[in-house]
Amino acid sequence: MQARRIWPCCGLMSSVRGDAGQRLLRRRSVAAAAVHGTVRHSLQRNAMSEWDQRIDHNVDASQVLWRAAGAALGADNDPISSGASNNWIPVPSVELREASSVADMGIWYAIGEAWSQIALAASTQPNPRILDIGCGVGKMARFFAMTPGIEYLGIDVFAPAIQWCQKAFDPLPQFRFVHFDIHSPLYNASGVLDVATTPVPTDETFDLIICASLFTHLYEAAFVHYLAELSRLLSRDGRAIVSIHNEPDNGRLSGQETRIDISDAYFVELIASAKLRIERRVGPVFGQELYVLGLA
């Protein structure tokens, strides 16, 4: 039987068959990486319309590579990234990349570049204060580190990712990483905090809030809660970059933790209820609909 891999924080689950399949995905990642400042929509749509045909939403999440790795996910046991440097940011292991996004190096880099460039283009400030909810192993943070003056806070429920980031970004004091011990059967089964009621662990305000593949994993109560958190944490002219899947089965919101879909109309309704507004609809980016939000 062909082994399957789940790419949880990209909202993508796929069976990649052999070297030919890997080469195909790498070619697509190169095309998708041609994002600088704004999304080149035609390349994204063409690549993703074909890519989406490979998605399998019935993958057993217990069989993924990073779960089998167990204790090897700890930052001290990652041979690729041992030893942070003042001049470069190390690369996380394949297990850590898969646990927080996607194992394939080319796609991992392409997603990080695309989101970081879209976010910076949307910012109203030249040196924004950034909150990254669901930061993983820093696939966007490493690109933000190229812009002097940025202040960054990344939070995630997956403790090994935060431990790795704290070590890898240690030479950059303006980059902080905090474990958010939310209970999630898939990503943090031992967590003790309720996802639908617990505030994001900061009282600061931010010029940019990034929610890459966050709302694509939230049930309705948590979805509403995190929209309210965006309203609480955005600065007056701040921008939130969020993504959704928009093909629900029941007309409003449906799915499991591995993938949640919401209708465009219901998304707009919830945004308005949270005192937010759509500043821009970017369109499809790596299989998700991406929006730029601001305070209403």
C-alpha atoms as a PDB file:
ATOM      1  CA  MET A   1       0.000   0.000   0.000  1.00  0.00           C
ATOM      2  CA  GLN A   2       1.290   3.472  -0.905  1.00  0.00           C
ATOM      3  CA  ALA A   3       2.163   5.459   2.242  1.00  0.00           C
ATOM      4  CA  ARG A   4       0.296   8.722   2.622  1.00  0.00           C
ATOM      5  CA  ARG A   5       1.400  11.941   4.217  1.00  0.00           C
ATOM      6  CA  ILE A   6      -0.704  14.615   5.809  1.00  0.00           C
ATOM      7  CA  TRP A   7       0.277  18.261   5.429  1.00  0.00           C
ATOM      8  CA  PRO A   8      -1.836  19.681   8.237  1.00  0.00           C
ATOM      9  CA  CYS A   9      -0.997  23.370   8.306  1.00  0.00           C
ATOM     10  CA  CYS A  10      -1.204  23.723   4.533  1.00  0.00           C
ATOM     11  CA  GLY A  11      -4.663  22.202   4.541  1.00  0.00           C
ATOM     12  CA  LEU A  12      -3.323  19.650   2.055  1.00  0.00           C
ATOM     13  CA  MET A  13      -3.286  15.875   2.377  1.00  0.00           C
ATOM     14  CA  SER A  14      -1.801  13.886  -0.460  1.00  0.00           C
ATOM     15  CA  SER A  15      -0.338  10.624  -1.677  1.00  0.00           C
ATOM     16  CA  VAL A  16       2.868  11.453  -3.543  1.00  0.00           C
ATOM     17  CA  ARG A  17       3.809   8.540  -5.744  1.00  0.00           C
ATOM     18  CA  GLY A  18       7.496   7.940  -6.383  1.00  0.00           C
ATOM     19  CA  ASP A  19      10.280  10.156  -7.658  1.00  0.00           C
ATOM     20  CA  ALA A  20       8.238  11.404 -10.598  1.00  0.00           C
ATOM     21  CA  GLY A  21       5.562  12.718  -8.253  1.00  0.00           C
ATOM     22  CA  GLN A  22       8.170  14.424  -6.095  1.00  0.00           C
ATOM     23  CA  ARG A  23       9.721  16.087  -9.136  1.00  0.00           C
ATOM     24  CA  LEU A  24       6.288  17.269 -10.271  1.00  0.00           C
ATOM     25  CA  LEU A  25       5.570  18.857  -6.908  1.00  0.00           C
ATOM     26  CA  ARG A  26       8.983  20.528  -6.888  1.00  0.00           C
ATOM     27  CA  ARG A  27       8.348  22.026 -10.328  1.00  0.00           C
ATOM     28  CA  ARG A  28       5.020  23.354  -9.108  1.00  0.00           C
ATOM     29  CA  SER A  29       6.637  24.804  -6.005  1.00  0.00           C
ATOM     30  CA  VAL A  30       9.100  26.699  -8.208  1.00  0.00           C
ATOM     31  CA  ALA A  31       6.218  28.169 -10.178  1.00  0.00           C
ATOM     32  CA  ALA A  32       4.361  29.085  -7.004  1.00  0.00           C
ATOM     33  CA  ALA A  33       7.488  30.671  -5.568  1.00  0.00           C
ATOM     34  CA  ALA A  34       7.301  33.374  -8.259  1.00  0.00           C
ATOM     35  CA  VAL A  35       5.425  35.508  -5.742  1.00  0.00           C
ATOM     36  CA  HIS A  36       7.000  38.837  -4.872  1.00  0.00           C
ATOM     37  CA  GLY A  37       4.926  41.648  -3.377  1.00  0.00           C
ATOM     38  CA  THR A  38       1.662  40.408  -4.979  1.00  0.00           C
ATOM     39  CA  VAL A  39       0.399  37.020  -6.056  1.00  0.00           C
ATOM     40  CA  ARG A  40       0.767  36.079  -9.697  1.00  0.00           C
ATOM     41  CA  HIS A  41      -2.724  34.640  -9.846  1.00  0.00           C
ATOM     42  CA  SER A  42      -2.556  32.766 -13.131  1.00  0.00           C
ATOM     43  CA  LEU A  43       0.467  30.693 -12.048  1.00  0.00           C
ATOM     44  CA  GLN A  44      -1.101  29.958  -8.670  1.00  0.00           C
ATOM     45  CA  ARG A  45      -4.473  28.911 -10.135  1.00  0.00           C
ATOM     46  CA  ASN A  46      -2.995  26.722 -12.846  1.00  0.00           C
ATOM     47  CA  ALA A  47      -0.681  24.931 -10.432  1.00  0.00           C
ATOM     48  CA  MET A  48      -3.245  24.477  -7.694  1.00  0.00           C
ATOM     49  CA  SER A  49      -6.128  23.350  -9.929  1.00  0.00           C
ATOM     50  CA  GLU A  50      -3.981  20.373 -10.901  1.00  0.00           C
ATOM     51  CA  TRP A  51      -2.505  19.936  -7.404  1.00  0.00           C
ATOM     52  CA  ASP A  52      -5.938  19.849  -5.763  1.00  0.00           C
ATOM     53  CA  GLN A  53      -6.816  16.777  -7.808  1.00  0.00           C
ATOM     54  CA  ARG A  54      -4.143  14.872  -5.829  1.00  0.00           C
ATOM     55  CA  ILE A  55      -5.606  15.746  -2.416  1.00  0.00           C
ATOM     56  CA  ASP A  56      -7.011  12.929  -0.295  1.00  0.00           C
ATOM     57  CA  HIS A  57      -9.055  14.128   2.690  1.00  0.00           C
ATOM     58  CA  ASN A  58      -9.439  10.666   4.241  1.00  0.00           C
ATOM     59  CA  VAL A  59      -5.875  10.251   5.484  1.00  0.00           C
ATOM     60  CA  ASP A  60      -5.300   8.585   8.846  1.00  0.00           C
ATOM     61  CA  ALA A  61      -3.432  11.284  10.765  1.00  0.00           C
ATOM     62  CA  SER A  62      -1.891   8.701  13.080  1.00  0.00           C
ATOM     63  CA  GLN A  63       0.237   7.370  10.217  1.00  0.00           C
ATOM     64  CA  VAL A  64       2.142  10.538   9.385  1.00  0.00           C
ATOM     65  CA  LEU A  65       5.923  10.690   9.469  1.00  0.00           C
ATOM     66  CA  TRP A  66       6.230  13.215  12.283  1.00  0.00           C
ATOM     67  CA  ARG A  67       4.094  11.139  14.667  1.00  0.00           C
ATOM     68  CA  ALA A  68       6.316   8.122  14.098  1.00  0.00           C
ATOM     69  CA  ALA A  69       9.394  10.241  14.858  1.00  0.00           C
ATOM     70  CA  GLY A  70       8.317  10.659  18.495  1.00  0.00           C
ATOM     71  CA  ALA A  71      11.078  12.044  20.711  1.00  0.00           C
ATOM     72  CA  ALA A  72      13.237  12.875  17.693  1.00  0.00           C
ATOM     73  CA  LEU A  73      11.158  16.027  17.217  1.00  0.00           C
ATOM     74  CA  GLY A  74      12.876  17.752  20.130  1.00  0.00           C
ATOM     75  CA  ALA A  75      15.115  20.669  19.241  1.00  0.00           C
ATOM     76  CA  ASP A  76      18.171  19.023  20.826  1.00  0.00           C
ATOM     77  CA  ASN A  77      17.768  15.946  18.627  1.00  0.00           C
ATOM     78  CA  ASP A  78      17.588  17.767  15.288  1.00  0.00           C
ATOM     79  CA  PRO A  79      20.956  17.216  13.568  1.00  0.00           C
ATOM     80  CA  ILE A  80      20.174  19.504  10.633  1.00  0.00           C
ATOM     81  CA  SER A  81      19.610  22.560  12.773  1.00  0.00           C
ATOM     82  CA  SER A  82      22.064  22.113  15.625  1.00  0.00           C
ATOM     83  CA  GLY A  83      23.811  25.356  16.467  1.00  0.00           C
ATOM     84  CA  ALA A  84      22.167  28.698  15.714  1.00  0.00           C
ATOM     85  CA  SER A  85      24.295  31.265  13.931  1.00  0.00           C
ATOM     86  CA  ASN A  86      24.462  35.050  13.959  1.00  0.00           C
ATOM     87  CA  ASN A  87      24.613  34.996  10.159  1.00  0.00           C
ATOM     88  CA  TRP A  88      22.012  32.442   9.087  1.00  0.00           C
ATOM     89  CA  ILE A  89      18.881  30.674  10.281  1.00  0.00           C
ATOM     90  CA  PRO A  90      19.150  26.864  10.322  1.00  0.00           C
ATOM     91  CA  VAL A  91      16.768  24.569   8.479  1.00  0.00           C
ATOM     92  CA  PRO A  92      14.371  22.341  10.461  1.00  0.00           C
ATOM     93  CA  SER A  93      14.381  18.597   9.956  1.00  0.00           C
ATOM     94  CA  VAL A  94      11.976  16.912   7.569  1.00  0.00           C
ATOM     95  CA  GLU A  95       9.913  15.628  10.531  1.00  0.00           C
ATOM     96  CA  LEU A  96       9.497  19.108  11.969  1.00  0.00           C
ATOM     97  CA  ARG A  97       8.646  20.582   8.574  1.00  0.00           C
ATOM     98  CA  GLU A  98       5.979  17.957   8.026  1.00  0.00           C
ATOM     99  CA  ALA A  99       4.600  18.346  11.548  1.00  0.00           C
ATOM    100  CA  SER A 100       3.971  22.059  11.092  1.00  0.00           C
ATOM    101  CA  SER A 101       3.485  22.407   7.336  1.00  0.00           C
ATOM    102  CA  VAL A 102       4.938  20.218   4.584  1.00  0.00           C
ATOM    103  CA  ALA A 103       7.999  17.998   4.418  1.00  0.00           C
ATOM    104  CA  ASP A 104       9.065  18.922   0.884  1.00  0.00           C
ATOM    105  CA  MET A 105      11.788  21.587   1.163  1.00  0.00           C
ATOM    106  CA  GLY A 106      10.876  23.442  -2.035  1.00  0.00           C
ATOM    107  CA  ILE A 107       7.195  23.718  -1.183  1.00  0.00           C
ATOM    108  CA  TRP A 108       7.998  24.662   2.425  1.00  0.00           C
ATOM    109  CA  TYR A 109      10.180  27.546   1.246  1.00  0.00           C
ATOM    110  CA  ALA A 110       7.681  28.620  -1.413  1.00  0.00           C
ATOM    111  CA  ILE A 111       4.808  28.835   1.083  1.00  0.00           C
ATOM    112  CA  GLY A 112       6.934  30.817   3.531  1.00  0.00           C
ATOM    113  CA  GLU A 113       8.051  33.256   0.849  1.00  0.00           C
ATOM    114  CA  ALA A 114       4.559  33.725  -0.577  1.00  0.00           C
ATOM    115  CA  TRP A 115       2.890  34.436   2.767  1.00  0.00           C
ATOM    116  CA  SER A 116       5.653  36.691   4.051  1.00  0.00           C
ATOM    117  CA  GLN A 117       5.714  38.793   0.880  1.00  0.00           C
ATOM    118  CA  ILE A 118       1.922  39.108   0.767  1.00  0.00           C
ATOM    119  CA  ALA A 119       1.917  40.156   4.432  1.00  0.00           C
ATOM    120  CA  LEU A 120       4.629  42.792   4.011  1.00  0.00           C
ATOM    121  CA  ALA A 121       2.906  44.176   0.912  1.00  0.00           C
ATOM    122  CA  ALA A 122      -0.321  44.534   2.914  1.00  0.00           C
ATOM    123  CA  SER A 123       1.342  46.232   5.887  1.00  0.00           C
ATOM    124  CA  THR A 124       0.651  49.912   6.511  1.00  0.00           C
ATOM    125  CA  GLN A 125       3.947  50.213   8.437  1.00  0.00           C
ATOM    126  CA  PRO A 126       7.514  49.907   7.067  1.00  0.00           C
ATOM    127  CA  ASN A 127       8.704  48.018  10.169  1.00  0.00           C
ATOM    128  CA  PRO A 128       5.592  46.260  11.435  1.00  0.00           C
ATOM    129  CA  ARG A 129       5.045  44.513  14.727  1.00  0.00           C
ATOM    130  CA  ILE A 130       4.006  41.010  13.641  1.00  0.00           C
ATOM    131  CA  LEU A 131       1.981  38.332  15.421  1.00  0.00           C
ATOM    132  CA  ASP A 132       2.101  34.915  13.724  1.00  0.00           C
ATOM    133  CA  ILE A 133      -0.621  32.614  15.112  1.00  0.00           C
ATOM    134  CA  GLY A 134       0.396  29.082  14.188  1.00  0.00           C
ATOM    135  CA  CYS A 135       3.993  29.958  13.366  1.00  0.00           C
ATOM    136  CA  GLY A 136       5.212  26.348  13.078  1.00  0.00           C
ATOM    137  CA  VAL A 137       8.976  26.109  12.590  1.00  0.00           C
ATOM    138  CA  GLY A 138       9.391  29.639  11.287  1.00  0.00           C
ATOM    139  CA  LYS A 139       8.848  29.209   7.559  1.00  0.00           C
ATOM    140  CA  MET A 140       7.628  32.830   7.407  1.00  0.00           C
ATOM    141  CA  ALA A 141       9.729  34.155  10.280  1.00  0.00           C
ATOM    142  CA  ARG A 142      12.943  33.328   8.398  1.00  0.00           C
ATOM    143  CA  PHE A 143      11.840  35.677   5.595  1.00  0.00           C
ATOM    144  CA  PHE A 144      10.745  38.415   8.009  1.00  0.00           C
ATOM    145  CA  ALA A 145      14.225  38.228   9.545  1.00  0.00           C
ATOM    146  CA  MET A 146      15.539  39.725   6.288  1.00  0.00           C
ATOM    147  CA  THR A 147      13.783  43.033   7.067  1.00  0.00           C
ATOM    148  CA  PRO A 148      15.603  45.052   9.759  1.00  0.00           C
ATOM    149  CA  GLY A 149      13.317  46.720  12.286  1.00  0.00           C
ATOM    150  CA  ILE A 150      10.595  44.071  12.353  1.00  0.00           C
ATOM    151  CA  GLU A 151       9.420  42.854  15.756  1.00  0.00           C
ATOM    152  CA  TYR A 152       7.900  39.391  15.711  1.00  0.00           C
ATOM    153  CA  LEU A 153       5.947  37.132  18.071  1.00  0.00           C
ATOM    154  CA  GLY A 154       5.194  33.589  16.948  1.00  0.00           C
ATOM    155  CA  ILE A 155       2.864  31.270  18.846  1.00  0.00           C
ATOM    156  CA  ASP A 156       1.963  27.643  18.210  1.00  0.00           C
ATOM    157  CA  VAL A 157       0.317  24.703  19.971  1.00  0.00           C
ATOM    158  CA  PHE A 158       3.040  22.294  18.806  1.00  0.00           C
ATOM    159  CA  ALA A 159       5.738  22.466  21.497  1.00  0.00           C
ATOM    160  CA  PRO A 160       8.605  20.892  19.486  1.00  0.00           C
ATOM    161  CA  ALA A 161       8.200  23.591  16.827  1.00  0.00           C
ATOM    162  CA  ILE A 162       8.410  26.365  19.418  1.00  0.00           C
ATOM    163  CA  GLN A 163      11.431  24.766  21.093  1.00  0.00           C
ATOM    164  CA  TRP A 164      13.197  24.569  17.756  1.00  0.00           C
ATOM    165  CA  CYS A 165      12.390  28.197  16.881  1.00  0.00           C
ATOM    166  CA  GLN A 166      13.576  29.479  20.245  1.00  0.00           C
ATOM    167  CA  LYS A 167      16.920  27.831  19.601  1.00  0.00           C
ATOM    168  CA  ALA A 168      17.222  28.673  15.901  1.00  0.00           C
ATOM    169  CA  PHE A 169      16.265  32.352  16.280  1.00  0.00           C
ATOM    170  CA  ASP A 170      18.124  32.888  19.551  1.00  0.00           C
ATOM    171  CA  PRO A 171      20.616  35.374  17.987  1.00  0.00           C
ATOM    172  CA  LEU A 172      17.652  37.605  16.997  1.00  0.00           C
ATOM    173  CA  PRO A 173      16.210  39.085  20.205  1.00  0.00           C
ATOM    174  CA  GLN A 174      13.414  40.863  18.325  1.00  0.00           C
ATOM    175  CA  PHE A 175      12.005  37.438  17.394  1.00  0.00           C
ATOM    176  CA  ARG A 176      10.086  35.717  20.198  1.00  0.00           C
ATOM    177  CA  PHE A 177       8.318  32.354  20.246  1.00  0.00           C
ATOM    178  CA  VAL A 178       5.727  31.174  22.785  1.00  0.00           C
ATOM    179  CA  HIS A 179       4.073  27.787  23.222  1.00  0.00           C
ATOM    180  CA  PHE A 180       0.274  28.120  23.446  1.00  0.00           C
ATOM    181  CA  ASP A 181      -0.918  24.999  25.281  1.00  0.00           C
ATOM    182  CA  ILE A 182      -4.283  24.702  23.534  1.00  0.00           C
ATOM    183  CA  HIS A 183      -5.853  21.244  23.505  1.00  0.00           C
ATOM    184  CA  SER A 184      -6.020  19.767  20.026  1.00  0.00           C
ATOM    185  CA  PRO A 185      -6.613  16.042  19.446  1.00  0.00           C
ATOM    186  CA  LEU A 186      -4.464  16.205  16.323  1.00  0.00           C
ATOM    187  CA  TYR A 187      -1.714  18.711  17.128  1.00  0.00           C
ATOM    188  CA  ASN A 188      -1.535  18.910  20.946  1.00  0.00           C
ATOM    189  CA  ALA A 189      -3.465  16.108  22.620  1.00  0.00           C
ATOM    190  CA  SER A 190      -1.988  16.894  26.055  1.00  0.00           C
ATOM    191  CA  GLY A 191      -2.968  20.578  25.911  1.00  0.00           C
ATOM    192  CA  VAL A 192      -5.054  21.955  28.777  1.00  0.00           C
ATOM    193  CA  LEU A 193      -6.490  25.207  27.356  1.00  0.00           C
ATOM    194  CA  ASP A 194      -9.803  25.523  25.512  1.00  0.00           C
ATOM    195  CA  VAL A 195      -9.397  26.679  21.909  1.00  0.00           C
ATOM    196  CA  ALA A 196     -12.803  28.401  21.825  1.00  0.00           C
ATOM    197  CA  THR A 197     -12.390  30.561  24.940  1.00  0.00           C
ATOM    198  CA  THR A 198      -8.700  31.074  25.807  1.00  0.00           C
ATOM    199  CA  PRO A 199      -7.257  34.454  24.738  1.00  0.00           C
ATOM    200  CA  VAL A 200      -4.097  34.582  22.660  1.00  0.00           C
ATOM    201  CA  PRO A 201      -1.287  34.961  25.246  1.00  0.00           C
ATOM    202  CA  THR A 202      -0.455  38.637  24.716  1.00  0.00           C
ATOM    203  CA  ASP A 203      -1.988  42.049  25.417  1.00  0.00           C
ATOM    204  CA  GLU A 204       0.135  43.839  22.821  1.00  0.00           C
ATOM    205  CA  THR A 205      -1.287  45.241  19.592  1.00  0.00           C
ATOM    206  CA  PHE A 206       0.194  44.399  16.203  1.00  0.00           C
ATOM    207  CA  ASP A 207       0.463  45.969  12.776  1.00  0.00           C
ATOM    208  CA  LEU A 208       0.316  42.560  11.092  1.00  0.00           C
ATOM    209  CA  ILE A 209      -1.375  39.392  12.334  1.00  0.00           C
ATOM    210  CA  ILE A 210      -0.808  36.269  10.275  1.00  0.00           C
ATOM    211  CA  CYS A 211      -3.207  33.344  10.428  1.00  0.00           C
ATOM    212  CA  ALA A 212      -1.824  30.982   7.807  1.00  0.00           C
ATOM    213  CA  SER A 213      -3.948  27.828   7.816  1.00  0.00           C
ATOM    214  CA  LEU A 214      -5.432  28.672  11.212  1.00  0.00           C
ATOM    215  CA  PHE A 215      -9.110  29.111  10.374  1.00  0.00           C
ATOM    216  CA  THR A 216      -8.913  26.086   8.075  1.00  0.00           C
ATOM    217  CA  HIS A 217      -8.682  23.942  11.247  1.00  0.00           C
ATOM    218  CA  LEU A 218     -11.152  25.690  13.601  1.00  0.00           C
ATOM    219  CA  TYR A 219     -14.672  24.567  14.439  1.00  0.00           C
ATOM    220  CA  GLU A 220     -17.341  27.276  14.544  1.00  0.00           C
ATOM    221  CA  ALA A 221     -17.012  28.412  18.177  1.00  0.00           C
ATOM    222  CA  ALA A 222     -13.219  28.666  17.897  1.00  0.00           C
ATOM    223  CA  PHE A 223     -13.553  30.343  14.493  1.00  0.00           C
ATOM    224  CA  VAL A 224     -15.703  33.096  16.021  1.00  0.00           C
ATOM    225  CA  HIS A 225     -13.365  33.395  19.030  1.00  0.00           C
ATOM    226  CA  TYR A 226     -10.262  33.929  16.920  1.00  0.00           C
ATOM    227  CA  LEU A 227     -11.934  36.560  14.749  1.00  0.00           C
ATOM    228  CA  ALA A 228     -12.714  38.439  17.979  1.00  0.00           C
ATOM    229  CA  GLU A 229      -9.065  38.042  18.996  1.00  0.00           C
ATOM    230  CA  LEU A 230      -7.974  39.644  15.722  1.00  0.00           C
ATOM    231  CA  SER A 231     -10.196  42.609  16.514  1.00  0.00           C
ATOM    232  CA  ARG A 232      -8.673  42.836  20.015  1.00  0.00           C
ATOM    233  CA  LEU A 233      -5.035  42.593  18.932  1.00  0.00           C
ATOM    234  CA  LEU A 234      -4.910  44.628  15.710  1.00  0.00           C
ATOM    235  CA  SER A 235      -3.580  48.177  15.856  1.00  0.00           C
ATOM    236  CA  ARG A 236      -5.838  50.882  14.472  1.00  0.00           C
ATOM    237  CA  ASP A 237      -4.376  50.640  10.944  1.00  0.00           C
ATOM    238  CA  GLY A 238      -3.284  47.027  11.314  1.00  0.00           C
ATOM    239  CA  ARG A 239      -3.896  44.219   8.872  1.00  0.00           C
ATOM    240  CA  ALA A 240      -4.661  40.534   9.417  1.00  0.00           C
ATOM    241  CA  ILE A 241      -3.755  37.998   6.733  1.00  0.00           C
ATOM    242  CA  VAL A 242      -6.057  34.980   6.953  1.00  0.00           C
ATOM    243  CA  SER A 243      -6.926  31.980   4.818  1.00  0.00           C
ATOM    244  CA  ILE A 244      -9.977  29.747   4.528  1.00  0.00           C
ATOM    245  CA  HIS A 245     -11.321  26.794   2.604  1.00  0.00           C
ATOM    246  CA  ASN A 246     -14.662  27.837   1.100  1.00  0.00           C
ATOM    247  CA  GLU A 247     -16.448  24.647  -0.018  1.00  0.00           C
ATOM    248  CA  PRO A 248     -18.585  23.554   2.969  1.00  0.00           C
ATOM    249  CA  ASP A 249     -20.889  20.554   2.682  1.00  0.00           C
ATOM    250  CA  ASN A 250     -23.808  22.135   4.533  1.00  0.00           C
ATOM    251  CA  GLY A 251     -23.835  25.638   3.069  1.00  0.00           C
ATOM    252  CA  ARG A 252     -22.257  27.383   6.087  1.00  0.00           C
ATOM    253  CA  LEU A 253     -19.386  25.626   7.883  1.00  0.00           C
ATOM    254  CA  SER A 254     -18.392  21.967   7.908  1.00  0.00           C
ATOM    255  CA  GLY A 255     -15.480  19.558   8.188  1.00  0.00           C
ATOM    256  CA  GLN A 256     -13.084  17.972  10.668  1.00  0.00           C
ATOM    257  CA  GLU A 257      -9.999  19.365  12.401  1.00  0.00           C
ATOM    258  CA  THR A 258      -7.812  18.370   9.451  1.00  0.00           C
ATOM    259  CA  ARG A 259      -9.903  20.638   7.193  1.00  0.00           C
ATOM    260  CA  ILE A 260     -12.712  23.098   7.922  1.00  0.00           C
ATOM    261  CA  ASP A 261     -14.663  24.793   5.114  1.00  0.00           C
ATOM    262  CA  ILE A 262     -16.824  27.918   5.414  1.00  0.00           C
ATOM    263  CA  SER A 263     -19.002  29.607   2.821  1.00  0.00           C
ATOM    264  CA  ASP A 264     -17.903  33.011   1.565  1.00  0.00           C
ATOM    265  CA  ALA A 265     -21.195  34.561   2.696  1.00  0.00           C
ATOM    266  CA  TYR A 266     -20.946  33.181   6.237  1.00  0.00           C
ATOM    267  CA  PHE A 267     -17.297  34.230   6.455  1.00  0.00           C
ATOM    268  CA  VAL A 268     -18.251  37.804   5.573  1.00  0.00           C
ATOM    269  CA  GLU A 269     -21.058  37.684   8.164  1.00  0.00           C
ATOM    270  CA  LEU A 270     -18.704  36.526  10.930  1.00  0.00           C
ATOM    271  CA  ILE A 271     -16.107  39.142   9.971  1.00  0.00           C
ATOM    272  CA  ALA A 272     -18.679  41.915  10.326  1.00  0.00           C
ATOM    273  CA  SER A 273     -19.830  40.540  13.683  1.00  0.00           C
ATOM    274  CA  ALA A 274     -16.223  40.725  14.913  1.00  0.00           C
ATOM    275  CA  LYS A 275     -16.013  44.392  13.839  1.00  0.00           C
ATOM    276  CA  LEU A 276     -13.603  43.601  11.028  1.00  0.00           C
ATOM    277  CA  ARG A 277     -13.775  44.285   7.309  1.00  0.00           C
ATOM    278  CA  ILE A 278     -12.221  42.873   4.156  1.00  0.00           C
ATOM    279  CA  GLU A 279      -9.497  45.162   2.849  1.00  0.00           C
ATOM    280  CA  ARG A 280      -8.564  42.870  -0.019  1.00  0.00           C
ATOM    281  CA  ARG A 281      -9.369  39.417  -1.329  1.00  0.00           C
ATOM    282  CA  VAL A 282      -6.051  38.071  -2.581  1.00  0.00           C
ATOM    283  CA  GLY A 283      -7.480  34.847  -3.992  1.00  0.00           C
ATOM    284  CA  PRO A 284      -6.109  31.289  -4.062  1.00  0.00           C
ATOM    285  CA  VAL A 285      -2.694  30.761  -2.486  1.00  0.00           C
ATOM    286  CA  PHE A 286      -1.514  27.160  -2.131  1.00  0.00           C
ATOM    287  CA  GLY A 287      -5.046  25.767  -2.161  1.00  0.00           C
ATOM    288  CA  GLN A 288      -6.634  28.266   0.247  1.00  0.00           C
ATOM    289  CA  GLU A 289      -8.516  31.549  -0.248  1.00  0.00           C
ATOM    290  CA  LEU A 290      -6.472  34.356   1.271  1.00  0.00           C
ATOM    291  CA  TYR A 291      -7.902  37.623   2.631  1.00  0.00           C
ATOM    292  CA  VAL A 292      -6.477  40.835   4.073  1.00  0.00           C
ATOM    293  CA  LEU A 293      -8.631  42.124   6.936  1.00  0.00           C
ATOM    294  CA  GLY A 294      -8.674  45.380   8.897  1.00  0.00           C
ATOM    295  CA  LEU A 295     -10.690  46.928  11.695  1.00  0.00           C
ATOM    296  CA  ALA A 296     -14.147  48.144  10.695  1.00  0.00           C
END
